[in-house]
Amino acid sequence: PSVEVITTCVVDLPTALPRRHLGRLTADGAAQVPADARARLAAAVRAV
């Protein structure tokens, strides 16, 4: 059960939240997760 919660935090949530951003390239061809999305991911992890 404890490892499952960690898996939710470091596998499931990062796959769901930043994924859409990594699927789109910036104008200079980079893949970037915006600071807002990273902050929301951190908040979700802390809530879990």
ModelCIF file with pLDDT and N, C-alpha, C, O atoms, coordinates in Angstrom:
data_MODEL
#
_entry.id   MODEL 
#
_entity.id                         1 
_entity.type                       polymer 
_entity.pdbx_number_of_molecules   1 
#
_entity_poly.entity_id                      1 
_entity_poly.type                           'polypeptide(L)' 
_entity_poly.nstd_linkage                   no 
_entity_poly.nstd_monomer                   no 
_entity_poly.pdbx_seq_one_letter_code       PSVEVITTCVVDLPTALPRRHLGRLTADGAAQVPADARARLAAAVRAV 
_entity_poly.pdbx_seq_one_letter_code_can   PSVEVITTCVVDLPTALPRRHLGRLTADGAAQVPADARARLAAAVRAV 
_entity_poly.pdbx_strand_id                 A 
#
loop_
_entity_poly_seq.entity_id 
_entity_poly_seq.num 
_entity_poly_seq.mon_id 
_entity_poly_seq.hetero 
1 1  PRO n 
1 2  SER n 
1 3  VAL n 
1 4  GLU n 
1 5  VAL n 
1 6  ILE n 
1 7  THR n 
1 8  THR n 
1 9  CYS n 
1 10 VAL n 
1 11 VAL n 
1 12 ASP n 
1 13 LEU n 
1 14 PRO n 
1 15 THR n 
1 16 ALA n 
1 17 LEU n 
1 18 PRO n 
1 19 ARG n 
1 20 ARG n 
1 21 HIS n 
1 22 LEU n 
1 23 GLY n 
1 24 ARG n 
1 25 LEU n 
1 26 THR n 
1 27 ALA n 
1 28 ASP n 
1 29 GLY n 
1 30 ALA n 
1 31 ALA n 
1 32 GLN n 
1 33 VAL n 
1 34 PRO n 
1 35 ALA n 
1 36 ASP n 
1 37 ALA n 
1 38 ARG n 
1 39 ALA n 
1 40 ARG n 
1 41 LEU n 
1 42 ALA n 
1 43 ALA n 
1 44 ALA n 
1 45 VAL n 
1 46 ARG n 
1 47 ALA n 
1 48 VAL n 
#
_struct_asym.id          A 
_struct_asym.entity_id   1 
#
loop_
_ma_qa_metric.id 
_ma_qa_metric.mode 
_ma_qa_metric.name 
_ma_qa_metric.software_group_id 
_ma_qa_metric.type 
1 global pLDDT . pLDDT 
2 local  pLDDT . pLDDT 
#
_ma_qa_metric_global.metric_id      1 
_ma_qa_metric_global.metric_value   84.94 
_ma_qa_metric_global.model_id       1 
_ma_qa_metric_global.ordinal_id     1 
#
loop_
_ma_qa_metric_local.label_asym_id 
_ma_qa_metric_local.label_comp_id 
_ma_qa_metric_local.label_seq_id 
_ma_qa_metric_local.metric_id 
_ma_qa_metric_local.metric_value 
_ma_qa_metric_local.model_id 
_ma_qa_metric_local.ordinal_id 
A PRO 1  2 94.00 1 1  
A SER 2  2 95.00 1 2  
A VAL 3  2 95.00 1 3  
A GLU 4  2 95.00 1 4  
A VAL 5  2 96.00 1 5  
A ILE 6  2 97.00 1 6  
A THR 7  2 96.00 1 7  
A THR 8  2 96.00 1 8  
A CYS 9  2 96.00 1 9  
A VAL 10 2 96.00 1 10 
A VAL 11 2 94.00 1 11 
A ASP 12 2 93.00 1 12 
A LEU 13 2 94.00 1 13 
A PRO 14 2 92.00 1 14 
A THR 15 2 88.00 1 15 
A ALA 16 2 85.00 1 16 
A LEU 17 2 81.00 1 17 
A PRO 18 2 72.00 1 18 
A ARG 19 2 74.00 1 19 
A ARG 20 2 74.00 1 20 
A HIS 21 2 74.00 1 21 
A LEU 22 2 73.00 1 22 
A GLY 23 2 65.00 1 23 
A ARG 24 2 65.00 1 24 
A LEU 25 2 62.00 1 25 
A THR 26 2 59.00 1 26 
A ALA 27 2 54.00 1 27 
A ASP 28 2 60.00 1 28 
A GLY 29 2 58.00 1 29 
A ALA 30 2 66.00 1 30 
A ALA 31 2 69.00 1 31 
A GLN 32 2 79.00 1 32 
A VAL 33 2 81.00 1 33 
A PRO 34 2 84.00 1 34 
A ALA 35 2 90.00 1 35 
A ASP 36 2 91.00 1 36 
A ALA 37 2 90.00 1 37 
A ARG 38 2 93.00 1 38 
A ALA 39 2 95.00 1 39 
A ARG 40 2 94.00 1 40 
A LEU 41 2 95.00 1 41 
A ALA 42 2 96.00 1 42 
A ALA 43 2 97.00 1 43 
A ALA 44 2 96.00 1 44 
A VAL 45 2 97.00 1 45 
A ARG 46 2 97.00 1 46 
A ALA 47 2 97.00 1 47 
A VAL 48 2 97.00 1 48 
#
loop_
_atom_site.group_PDB 
_atom_site.id 
_atom_site.type_symbol 
_atom_site.label_atom_id 
_atom_site.label_alt_id 
_atom_site.label_comp_id 
_atom_site.label_asym_id 
_atom_site.label_entity_id 
_atom_site.label_seq_id 
_atom_site.pdbx_PDB_ins_code 
_atom_site.Cartn_x 
_atom_site.Cartn_y 
_atom_site.Cartn_z 
_atom_site.occupancy 
_atom_site.B_iso_or_equiv 
_atom_site.pdbx_formal_charge 
_atom_site.auth_seq_id 
_atom_site.auth_comp_id 
_atom_site.auth_asym_id 
_atom_site.auth_atom_id 
_atom_site.pdbx_PDB_model_num 
ATOM 1   N N  . PRO A 1 1  ? 0.800  -1.225 0.000   1.00 94.00 ? 1  PRO A N  1 
ATOM 2   C CA . PRO A 1 1  ? 0.000  0.000  0.000   1.00 94.00 ? 1  PRO A CA 1 
ATOM 3   C C  . PRO A 1 1  ? 0.837  1.282  0.000   1.00 94.00 ? 1  PRO A C  1 
ATOM 4   O O  . PRO A 1 1  ? 0.487  2.249  -0.677  1.00 94.00 ? 1  PRO A O  1 
ATOM 5   N N  . SER A 1 2  ? 1.939  1.295  0.755   1.00 95.00 ? 2  SER A N  1 
ATOM 6   C CA . SER A 1 2  ? 2.758  2.506  0.798   1.00 95.00 ? 2  SER A CA 1 
ATOM 7   C C  . SER A 1 2  ? 3.470  2.738  -0.531  1.00 95.00 ? 2  SER A C  1 
ATOM 8   O O  . SER A 1 2  ? 3.565  3.876  -0.991  1.00 95.00 ? 2  SER A O  1 
ATOM 9   N N  . VAL A 1 3  ? 3.964  1.682  -1.143  1.00 95.00 ? 3  VAL A N  1 
ATOM 10  C CA . VAL A 1 3  ? 4.632  1.817  -2.437  1.00 95.00 ? 3  VAL A CA 1 
ATOM 11  C C  . VAL A 1 3  ? 3.622  2.224  -3.515  1.00 95.00 ? 3  VAL A C  1 
ATOM 12  O O  . VAL A 1 3  ? 3.964  2.945  -4.452  1.00 95.00 ? 3  VAL A O  1 
ATOM 13  N N  . GLU A 1 4  ? 2.378  1.759  -3.374  1.00 95.00 ? 4  GLU A N  1 
ATOM 14  C CA . GLU A 1 4  ? 1.349  2.139  -4.342  1.00 95.00 ? 4  GLU A CA 1 
ATOM 15  C C  . GLU A 1 4  ? 1.087  3.651  -4.301  1.00 95.00 ? 4  GLU A C  1 
ATOM 16  O O  . GLU A 1 4  ? 0.899  4.277  -5.345  1.00 95.00 ? 4  GLU A O  1 
ATOM 17  N N  . VAL A 1 5  ? 1.076  4.227  -3.111  1.00 96.00 ? 5  VAL A N  1 
ATOM 18  C CA . VAL A 1 5  ? 0.866  5.671  -2.996  1.00 96.00 ? 5  VAL A CA 1 
ATOM 19  C C  . VAL A 1 5  ? 2.025  6.427  -3.647  1.00 96.00 ? 5  VAL A C  1 
ATOM 20  O O  . VAL A 1 5  ? 1.805  7.407  -4.360  1.00 96.00 ? 5  VAL A O  1 
ATOM 21  N N  . ILE A 1 6  ? 3.255  5.976  -3.404  1.00 97.00 ? 6  ILE A N  1 
ATOM 22  C CA . ILE A 1 6  ? 4.409  6.621  -4.035  1.00 97.00 ? 6  ILE A CA 1 
ATOM 23  C C  . ILE A 1 6  ? 4.333  6.480  -5.553  1.00 97.00 ? 6  ILE A C  1 
ATOM 24  O O  . ILE A 1 6  ? 4.676  7.410  -6.283  1.00 97.00 ? 6  ILE A O  1 
ATOM 25  N N  . THR A 1 7  ? 3.890  5.328  -6.023  1.00 96.00 ? 7  THR A N  1 
ATOM 26  C CA . THR A 1 7  ? 3.738  5.121  -7.466  1.00 96.00 ? 7  THR A CA 1 
ATOM 27  C C  . THR A 1 7  ? 2.739  6.109  -8.053  1.00 96.00 ? 7  THR A C  1 
ATOM 28  O O  . THR A 1 7  ? 2.956  6.645  -9.139  1.00 96.00 ? 7  THR A O  1 
ATOM 29  N N  . THR A 1 8  ? 1.649  6.350  -7.338  1.00 96.00 ? 8  THR A N  1 
ATOM 30  C CA . THR A 1 8  ? 0.679  7.355  -7.783  1.00 96.00 ? 8  THR A CA 1 
ATOM 31  C C  . THR A 1 8  ? 1.360  8.714  -7.958  1.00 96.00 ? 8  THR A C  1 
ATOM 32  O O  . THR A 1 8  ? 1.104  9.434  -8.923  1.00 96.00 ? 8  THR A O  1 
ATOM 33  N N  . CYS A 1 9  ? 2.227  9.046  -7.010  1.00 96.00 ? 9  CYS A N  1 
ATOM 34  C CA . CYS A 1 9  ? 2.868  10.363 -7.014  1.00 96.00 ? 9  CYS A CA 1 
ATOM 35  C C  . CYS A 1 9  ? 3.941  10.514 -8.085  1.00 96.00 ? 9  CYS A C  1 
ATOM 36  O O  . CYS A 1 9  ? 4.023  11.559 -8.729  1.00 96.00 ? 9  CYS A O  1 
ATOM 37  N N  . VAL A 1 10 ? 4.760  9.494  -8.285  1.00 96.00 ? 10 VAL A N  1 
ATOM 38  C CA . VAL A 1 10 ? 5.927  9.669  -9.161  1.00 96.00 ? 10 VAL A CA 1 
ATOM 39  C C  . VAL A 1 10 ? 5.783  8.990  -10.519 1.00 96.00 ? 10 VAL A C  1 
ATOM 40  O O  . VAL A 1 10 ? 6.641  9.159  -11.386 1.00 96.00 ? 10 VAL A O  1 
ATOM 41  N N  . VAL A 1 11 ? 4.708  8.222  -10.717 1.00 94.00 ? 11 VAL A N  1 
ATOM 42  C CA . VAL A 1 11 ? 4.469  7.592  -12.017 1.00 94.00 ? 11 VAL A CA 1 
ATOM 43  C C  . VAL A 1 11 ? 3.145  8.062  -12.609 1.00 94.00 ? 11 VAL A C  1 
ATOM 44  O O  . VAL A 1 11 ? 3.112  8.610  -13.712 1.00 94.00 ? 11 VAL A O  1 
ATOM 45  N N  . ASP A 1 12 ? 2.055  7.848  -11.877 1.00 93.00 ? 12 ASP A N  1 
ATOM 46  C CA . ASP A 1 12 ? 0.729  8.134  -12.430 1.00 93.00 ? 12 ASP A CA 1 
ATOM 47  C C  . ASP A 1 12 ? 0.489  9.621  -12.662 1.00 93.00 ? 12 ASP A C  1 
ATOM 48  O O  . ASP A 1 12 ? 0.119  10.027 -13.764 1.00 93.00 ? 12 ASP A O  1 
ATOM 49  N N  . LEU A 1 13 ? 0.698  10.429 -11.634 1.00 94.00 ? 13 LEU A N  1 
ATOM 50  C CA . LEU A 1 13 ? 0.438  11.873 -11.781 1.00 94.00 ? 13 LEU A CA 1 
ATOM 51  C C  . LEU A 1 13 ? 1.363  12.531 -12.807 1.00 94.00 ? 13 LEU A C  1 
ATOM 52  O O  . LEU A 1 13 ? 0.878  13.299 -13.638 1.00 94.00 ? 13 LEU A O  1 
ATOM 53  N N  . PRO A 1 14 ? 2.676  12.264 -12.787 1.00 92.00 ? 14 PRO A N  1 
ATOM 54  C CA . PRO A 1 14 ? 3.538  12.883 -13.810 1.00 92.00 ? 14 PRO A CA 1 
ATOM 55  C C  . PRO A 1 14 ? 3.189  12.441 -15.235 1.00 92.00 ? 14 PRO A C  1 
ATOM 56  O O  . PRO A 1 14 ? 3.382  13.195 -16.189 1.00 92.00 ? 14 PRO A O  1 
ATOM 57  N N  . THR A 1 15 ? 2.678  11.222 -15.370 1.00 88.00 ? 15 THR A N  1 
ATOM 58  C CA . THR A 1 15 ? 2.269  10.774 -16.699 1.00 88.00 ? 15 THR A CA 1 
ATOM 59  C C  . THR A 1 15 ? 1.035  11.534 -17.162 1.00 88.00 ? 15 THR A C  1 
ATOM 60  O O  . THR A 1 15 ? 0.918  11.882 -18.337 1.00 88.00 ? 15 THR A O  1 
ATOM 61  N N  . ALA A 1 16 ? 0.111  11.790 -16.233 1.00 85.00 ? 16 ALA A N  1 
ATOM 62  C CA . ALA A 1 16 ? -1.150 12.433 -16.608 1.00 85.00 ? 16 ALA A CA 1 
ATOM 63  C C  . ALA A 1 16 ? -1.022 13.935 -16.802 1.00 85.00 ? 16 ALA A C  1 
ATOM 64  O O  . ALA A 1 16 ? -1.564 14.478 -17.765 1.00 85.00 ? 16 ALA A O  1 
ATOM 65  N N  . LEU A 1 17 ? -0.315 14.621 -15.901 1.00 81.00 ? 17 LEU A N  1 
ATOM 66  C CA . LEU A 1 17 ? -0.331 16.087 -15.925 1.00 81.00 ? 17 LEU A CA 1 
ATOM 67  C C  . LEU A 1 17 ? 0.624  16.719 -16.945 1.00 81.00 ? 17 LEU A C  1 
ATOM 68  O O  . LEU A 1 17 ? 0.166  17.512 -17.768 1.00 81.00 ? 17 LEU A O  1 
ATOM 69  N N  . PRO A 1 18 ? 1.929  16.409 -16.935 1.00 72.00 ? 18 PRO A N  1 
ATOM 70  C CA . PRO A 1 18 ? 2.818  17.092 -17.895 1.00 72.00 ? 18 PRO A CA 1 
ATOM 71  C C  . PRO A 1 18 ? 2.772  16.513 -19.309 1.00 72.00 ? 18 PRO A C  1 
ATOM 72  O O  . PRO A 1 18 ? 3.327  17.097 -20.240 1.00 72.00 ? 18 PRO A O  1 
ATOM 73  N N  . ARG A 1 19 ? 2.113  15.370 -19.469 1.00 74.00 ? 19 ARG A N  1 
ATOM 74  C CA . ARG A 1 19 ? 2.196  14.657 -20.741 1.00 74.00 ? 19 ARG A CA 1 
ATOM 75  C C  . ARG A 1 19 ? 1.750  15.503 -21.925 1.00 74.00 ? 19 ARG A C  1 
ATOM 76  O O  . ARG A 1 19 ? 2.396  15.495 -22.972 1.00 74.00 ? 19 ARG A O  1 
ATOM 77  N N  . ARG A 1 20 ? 0.651  16.232 -21.767 1.00 74.00 ? 20 ARG A N  1 
ATOM 78  C CA . ARG A 1 20 ? 0.143  17.013 -22.890 1.00 74.00 ? 20 ARG A CA 1 
ATOM 79  C C  . ARG A 1 20 ? 1.115  18.107 -23.309 1.00 74.00 ? 20 ARG A C  1 
ATOM 80  O O  . ARG A 1 20 ? 1.171  18.492 -24.477 1.00 74.00 ? 20 ARG A O  1 
ATOM 81  N N  . HIS A 1 21 ? 1.886  18.606 -22.334 1.00 74.00 ? 21 HIS A N  1 
ATOM 82  C CA . HIS A 1 21 ? 2.854  19.649 -22.667 1.00 74.00 ? 21 HIS A CA 1 
ATOM 83  C C  . HIS A 1 21 ? 4.059  19.069 -23.399 1.00 74.00 ? 21 HIS A C  1 
ATOM 84  O O  . HIS A 1 21 ? 4.594  19.693 -24.316 1.00 74.00 ? 21 HIS A O  1 
ATOM 85  N N  . LEU A 1 22 ? 4.482  17.880 -22.994 1.00 73.00 ? 22 LEU A N  1 
ATOM 86  C CA . LEU A 1 22 ? 5.628  17.256 -23.648 1.00 73.00 ? 22 LEU A CA 1 
ATOM 87  C C  . LEU A 1 22 ? 5.284  16.805 -25.062 1.00 73.00 ? 22 LEU A C  1 
ATOM 88  O O  . LEU A 1 22 ? 6.173  16.618 -25.893 1.00 73.00 ? 22 LEU A O  1 
ATOM 89  N N  . GLY A 1 23 ? 4.010  16.635 -25.327 1.00 65.00 ? 23 GLY A N  1 
ATOM 90  C CA . GLY A 1 23 ? 3.597  16.248 -26.669 1.00 65.00 ? 23 GLY A CA 1 
ATOM 91  C C  . GLY A 1 23 ? 3.613  17.403 -27.655 1.00 65.00 ? 23 GLY A C  1 
ATOM 92  O O  . GLY A 1 23 ? 3.450  17.198 -28.858 1.00 65.00 ? 23 GLY A O  1 
ATOM 93  N N  . ARG A 1 24 ? 3.808  18.617 -27.150 1.00 65.00 ? 24 ARG A N  1 
ATOM 94  C CA . ARG A 1 24 ? 3.844  19.800 -28.021 1.00 65.00 ? 24 ARG A CA 1 
ATOM 95  C C  . ARG A 1 24 ? 5.212  20.463 -27.918 1.00 65.00 ? 24 ARG A C  1 
ATOM 96  O O  . ARG A 1 24 ? 5.753  20.623 -26.824 1.00 65.00 ? 24 ARG A O  1 
ATOM 97  N N  . LEU A 1 25 ? 5.756  20.840 -29.045 1.00 62.00 ? 25 LEU A N  1 
ATOM 98  C CA . LEU A 1 25 ? 7.053  21.503 -29.072 1.00 62.00 ? 25 LEU A CA 1 
ATOM 99  C C  . LEU A 1 25 ? 6.880  23.013 -29.049 1.00 62.00 ? 25 LEU A C  1 
ATOM 100 O O  . LEU A 1 25 ? 5.899  23.545 -29.568 1.00 62.00 ? 25 LEU A O  1 
ATOM 101 N N  . THR A 1 26 ? 7.849  23.702 -28.438 1.00 59.00 ? 26 THR A N  1 
ATOM 102 C CA . THR A 1 26 ? 7.859  25.153 -28.469 1.00 59.00 ? 26 THR A CA 1 
ATOM 103 C C  . THR A 1 26 ? 8.349  25.621 -29.839 1.00 59.00 ? 26 THR A C  1 
ATOM 104 O O  . THR A 1 26 ? 8.739  24.808 -30.676 1.00 59.00 ? 26 THR A O  1 
ATOM 105 N N  . ALA A 1 27 ? 8.326  26.930 -30.058 1.00 54.00 ? 27 ALA A N  1 
ATOM 106 C CA . ALA A 1 27 ? 8.723  27.480 -31.358 1.00 54.00 ? 27 ALA A CA 1 
ATOM 107 C C  . ALA A 1 27 ? 10.165 27.143 -31.717 1.00 54.00 ? 27 ALA A C  1 
ATOM 108 O O  . ALA A 1 27 ? 10.506 27.031 -32.894 1.00 54.00 ? 27 ALA A O  1 
ATOM 109 N N  . ASP A 1 28 ? 11.008 26.983 -30.708 1.00 60.00 ? 28 ASP A N  1 
ATOM 110 C CA . ASP A 1 28 ? 12.421 26.665 -30.979 1.00 60.00 ? 28 ASP A CA 1 
ATOM 111 C C  . ASP A 1 28 ? 12.704 25.173 -30.952 1.00 60.00 ? 28 ASP A C  1 
ATOM 112 O O  . ASP A 1 28 ? 13.864 24.759 -30.935 1.00 60.00 ? 28 ASP A O  1 
ATOM 113 N N  . GLY A 1 29 ? 11.639 24.355 -30.948 1.00 58.00 ? 29 GLY A N  1 
ATOM 114 C CA . GLY A 1 29 ? 11.812 22.912 -31.023 1.00 58.00 ? 29 GLY A CA 1 
ATOM 115 C C  . GLY A 1 29 ? 12.064 22.222 -29.710 1.00 58.00 ? 29 GLY A C  1 
ATOM 116 O O  . GLY A 1 29 ? 12.405 21.040 -29.694 1.00 58.00 ? 29 GLY A O  1 
ATOM 117 N N  . ALA A 1 30 ? 11.908 22.926 -28.602 1.00 66.00 ? 30 ALA A N  1 
ATOM 118 C CA . ALA A 1 30 ? 12.130 22.326 -27.281 1.00 66.00 ? 30 ALA A CA 1 
ATOM 119 C C  . ALA A 1 30 ? 10.827 21.727 -26.752 1.00 66.00 ? 30 ALA A C  1 
ATOM 120 O O  . ALA A 1 30 ? 9.735  22.068 -27.205 1.00 66.00 ? 30 ALA A O  1 
ATOM 121 N N  . ALA A 1 31 ? 10.975 20.830 -25.785 1.00 69.00 ? 31 ALA A N  1 
ATOM 122 C CA . ALA A 1 31 ? 9.826  20.268 -25.070 1.00 69.00 ? 31 ALA A CA 1 
ATOM 123 C C  . ALA A 1 31 ? 9.890  20.803 -23.649 1.00 69.00 ? 31 ALA A C  1 
ATOM 124 O O  . ALA A 1 31 ? 10.847 20.535 -22.923 1.00 69.00 ? 31 ALA A O  1 
ATOM 125 N N  . GLN A 1 32 ? 8.893  21.544 -23.259 1.00 79.00 ? 32 GLN A N  1 
ATOM 126 C CA . GLN A 1 32 ? 8.957  22.225 -21.977 1.00 79.00 ? 32 GLN A CA 1 
ATOM 127 C C  . GLN A 1 32 ? 7.636  22.093 -21.235 1.00 79.00 ? 32 GLN A C  1 
ATOM 128 O O  . GLN A 1 32 ? 6.562  22.266 -21.811 1.00 79.00 ? 32 GLN A O  1 
ATOM 129 N N  . VAL A 1 33 ? 7.734  21.784 -19.952 1.00 81.00 ? 33 VAL A N  1 
ATOM 130 C CA . VAL A 1 33 ? 6.559  21.757 -19.087 1.00 81.00 ? 33 VAL A CA 1 
ATOM 131 C C  . VAL A 1 33 ? 6.484  23.108 -18.390 1.00 81.00 ? 33 VAL A C  1 
ATOM 132 O O  . VAL A 1 33 ? 7.412  23.465 -17.664 1.00 81.00 ? 33 VAL A O  1 
ATOM 133 N N  . PRO A 1 34 ? 5.410  23.871 -18.584 1.00 84.00 ? 34 PRO A N  1 
ATOM 134 C CA . PRO A 1 34 ? 5.323  25.210 -17.982 1.00 84.00 ? 34 PRO A CA 1 
ATOM 135 C C  . PRO A 1 34 ? 5.409  25.160 -16.463 1.00 84.00 ? 34 PRO A C  1 
ATOM 136 O O  . PRO A 1 34 ? 5.052  24.165 -15.833 1.00 84.00 ? 34 PRO A O  1 
ATOM 137 N N  . ALA A 1 35 ? 5.898  26.271 -15.886 1.00 90.00 ? 35 ALA A N  1 
ATOM 138 C CA . ALA A 1 35 ? 6.045  26.349 -14.429 1.00 90.00 ? 35 ALA A CA 1 
ATOM 139 C C  . ALA A 1 35 ? 4.715  26.139 -13.719 1.00 90.00 ? 35 ALA A C  1 
ATOM 140 O O  . ALA A 1 35 ? 4.672  25.534 -12.648 1.00 90.00 ? 35 ALA A O  1 
ATOM 141 N N  . ASP A 1 36 ? 3.627  26.636 -14.309 1.00 91.00 ? 36 ASP A N  1 
ATOM 142 C CA . ASP A 1 36 ? 2.319  26.469 -13.684 1.00 91.00 ? 36 ASP A CA 1 
ATOM 143 C C  . ASP A 1 36 ? 1.942  24.998 -13.585 1.00 91.00 ? 36 ASP A C  1 
ATOM 144 O O  . ASP A 1 36 ? 1.431  24.555 -12.557 1.00 91.00 ? 36 ASP A O  1 
ATOM 145 N N  . ALA A 1 37 ? 2.192  24.235 -14.658 1.00 90.00 ? 37 ALA A N  1 
ATOM 146 C CA . ALA A 1 37 ? 1.870  22.806 -14.640 1.00 90.00 ? 37 ALA A CA 1 
ATOM 147 C C  . ALA A 1 37 ? 2.732  22.064 -13.618 1.00 90.00 ? 37 ALA A C  1 
ATOM 148 O O  . ALA A 1 37 ? 2.256  21.150 -12.945 1.00 90.00 ? 37 ALA A O  1 
ATOM 149 N N  . ARG A 1 38 ? 3.995  22.460 -13.505 1.00 93.00 ? 38 ARG A N  1 
ATOM 150 C CA . ARG A 1 38 ? 4.872  21.813 -12.527 1.00 93.00 ? 38 ARG A CA 1 
ATOM 151 C C  . ARG A 1 38 ? 4.429  22.132 -11.102 1.00 93.00 ? 38 ARG A C  1 
ATOM 152 O O  . ARG A 1 38 ? 4.502  21.278 -10.219 1.00 93.00 ? 38 ARG A O  1 
ATOM 153 N N  . ALA A 1 39 ? 3.973  23.356 -10.881 1.00 95.00 ? 39 ALA A N  1 
ATOM 154 C CA . ALA A 1 39 ? 3.490  23.742 -9.547  1.00 95.00 ? 39 ALA A CA 1 
ATOM 155 C C  . ALA A 1 39 ? 2.224  22.973 -9.192  1.00 95.00 ? 39 ALA A C  1 
ATOM 156 O O  . ALA A 1 39 ? 2.057  22.544 -8.050  1.00 95.00 ? 39 ALA A O  1 
ATOM 157 N N  . ARG A 1 40 ? 1.334  22.796 -10.160 1.00 94.00 ? 40 ARG A N  1 
ATOM 158 C CA . ARG A 1 40 ? 0.105  22.053 -9.903  1.00 94.00 ? 40 ARG A CA 1 
ATOM 159 C C  . ARG A 1 40 ? 0.404  20.574 -9.643  1.00 94.00 ? 40 ARG A C  1 
ATOM 160 O O  . ARG A 1 40 ? -0.248 19.942 -8.811  1.00 94.00 ? 40 ARG A O  1 
ATOM 161 N N  . LEU A 1 41 ? 1.385  20.030 -10.352 1.00 95.00 ? 41 LEU A N  1 
ATOM 162 C CA . LEU A 1 41 ? 1.794  18.656 -10.093 1.00 95.00 ? 41 LEU A CA 1 
ATOM 163 C C  . LEU A 1 41 ? 2.329  18.518 -8.668  1.00 95.00 ? 41 LEU A C  1 
ATOM 164 O O  . LEU A 1 41 ? 1.982  17.572 -7.960  1.00 95.00 ? 41 LEU A O  1 
ATOM 165 N N  . ALA A 1 42 ? 3.174  19.460 -8.251  1.00 96.00 ? 42 ALA A N  1 
ATOM 166 C CA . ALA A 1 42 ? 3.715  19.427 -6.891  1.00 96.00 ? 42 ALA A CA 1 
ATOM 167 C C  . ALA A 1 42 ? 2.594  19.501 -5.858  1.00 96.00 ? 42 ALA A C  1 
ATOM 168 O O  . ALA A 1 42 ? 2.626  18.799 -4.847  1.00 96.00 ? 42 ALA A O  1 
ATOM 169 N N  . ALA A 1 43 ? 1.596  20.361 -6.117  1.00 97.00 ? 43 ALA A N  1 
ATOM 170 C CA . ALA A 1 43 ? 0.475  20.486 -5.188  1.00 97.00 ? 43 ALA A CA 1 
ATOM 171 C C  . ALA A 1 43 ? -0.329 19.193 -5.120  1.00 97.00 ? 43 ALA A C  1 
ATOM 172 O O  . ALA A 1 43 ? -0.775 18.786 -4.047  1.00 97.00 ? 43 ALA A O  1 
ATOM 173 N N  . ALA A 1 44 ? -0.510 18.550 -6.273  1.00 96.00 ? 44 ALA A N  1 
ATOM 174 C CA . ALA A 1 44 ? -1.247 17.287 -6.298  1.00 96.00 ? 44 ALA A CA 1 
ATOM 175 C C  . ALA A 1 44 ? -0.507 16.196 -5.528  1.00 96.00 ? 44 ALA A C  1 
ATOM 176 O O  . ALA A 1 44 ? -1.120 15.415 -4.801  1.00 96.00 ? 44 ALA A O  1 
ATOM 177 N N  . VAL A 1 45 ? 0.805  16.150 -5.690  1.00 97.00 ? 45 VAL A N  1 
ATOM 178 C CA . VAL A 1 45 ? 1.612  15.161 -4.975  1.00 97.00 ? 45 VAL A CA 1 
ATOM 179 C C  . VAL A 1 45 ? 1.510  15.383 -3.464  1.00 97.00 ? 45 VAL A C  1 
ATOM 180 O O  . VAL A 1 45 ? 1.316  14.434 -2.704  1.00 97.00 ? 45 VAL A O  1 
ATOM 181 N N  . ARG A 1 46 ? 1.638  16.622 -3.040  1.00 97.00 ? 46 ARG A N  1 
ATOM 182 C CA . ARG A 1 46 ? 1.551  16.914 -1.607  1.00 97.00 ? 46 ARG A CA 1 
ATOM 183 C C  . ARG A 1 46 ? 0.170  16.554 -1.056  1.00 97.00 ? 46 ARG A C  1 
ATOM 184 O O  . ARG A 1 46 ? 0.057  16.083 0.076   1.00 97.00 ? 46 ARG A O  1 
ATOM 185 N N  . ALA A 1 47 ? -0.874 16.775 -1.851  1.00 97.00 ? 47 ALA A N  1 
ATOM 186 C CA . ALA A 1 47 ? -2.224 16.426 -1.400  1.00 97.00 ? 47 ALA A CA 1 
ATOM 187 C C  . ALA A 1 47 ? -2.371 14.915 -1.221  1.00 97.00 ? 47 ALA A C  1 
ATOM 188 O O  . ALA A 1 47 ? -2.982 14.455 -0.256  1.00 97.00 ? 47 ALA A O  1 
ATOM 189 N N  . VAL A 1 48 ? -1.809 14.148 -2.155  1.00 97.00 ? 48 VAL A N  1 
ATOM 190 C CA . VAL A 1 48 ? -1.868 12.684 -2.033  1.00 97.00 ? 48 VAL A CA 1 
ATOM 191 C C  . VAL A 1 48 ? -1.134 12.217 -0.781  1.00 97.00 ? 48 VAL A C  1 
ATOM 192 O O  . VAL A 1 48 ? -1.077 11.017 -0.510  1.00 97.00 ? 48 VAL A O  1 
#
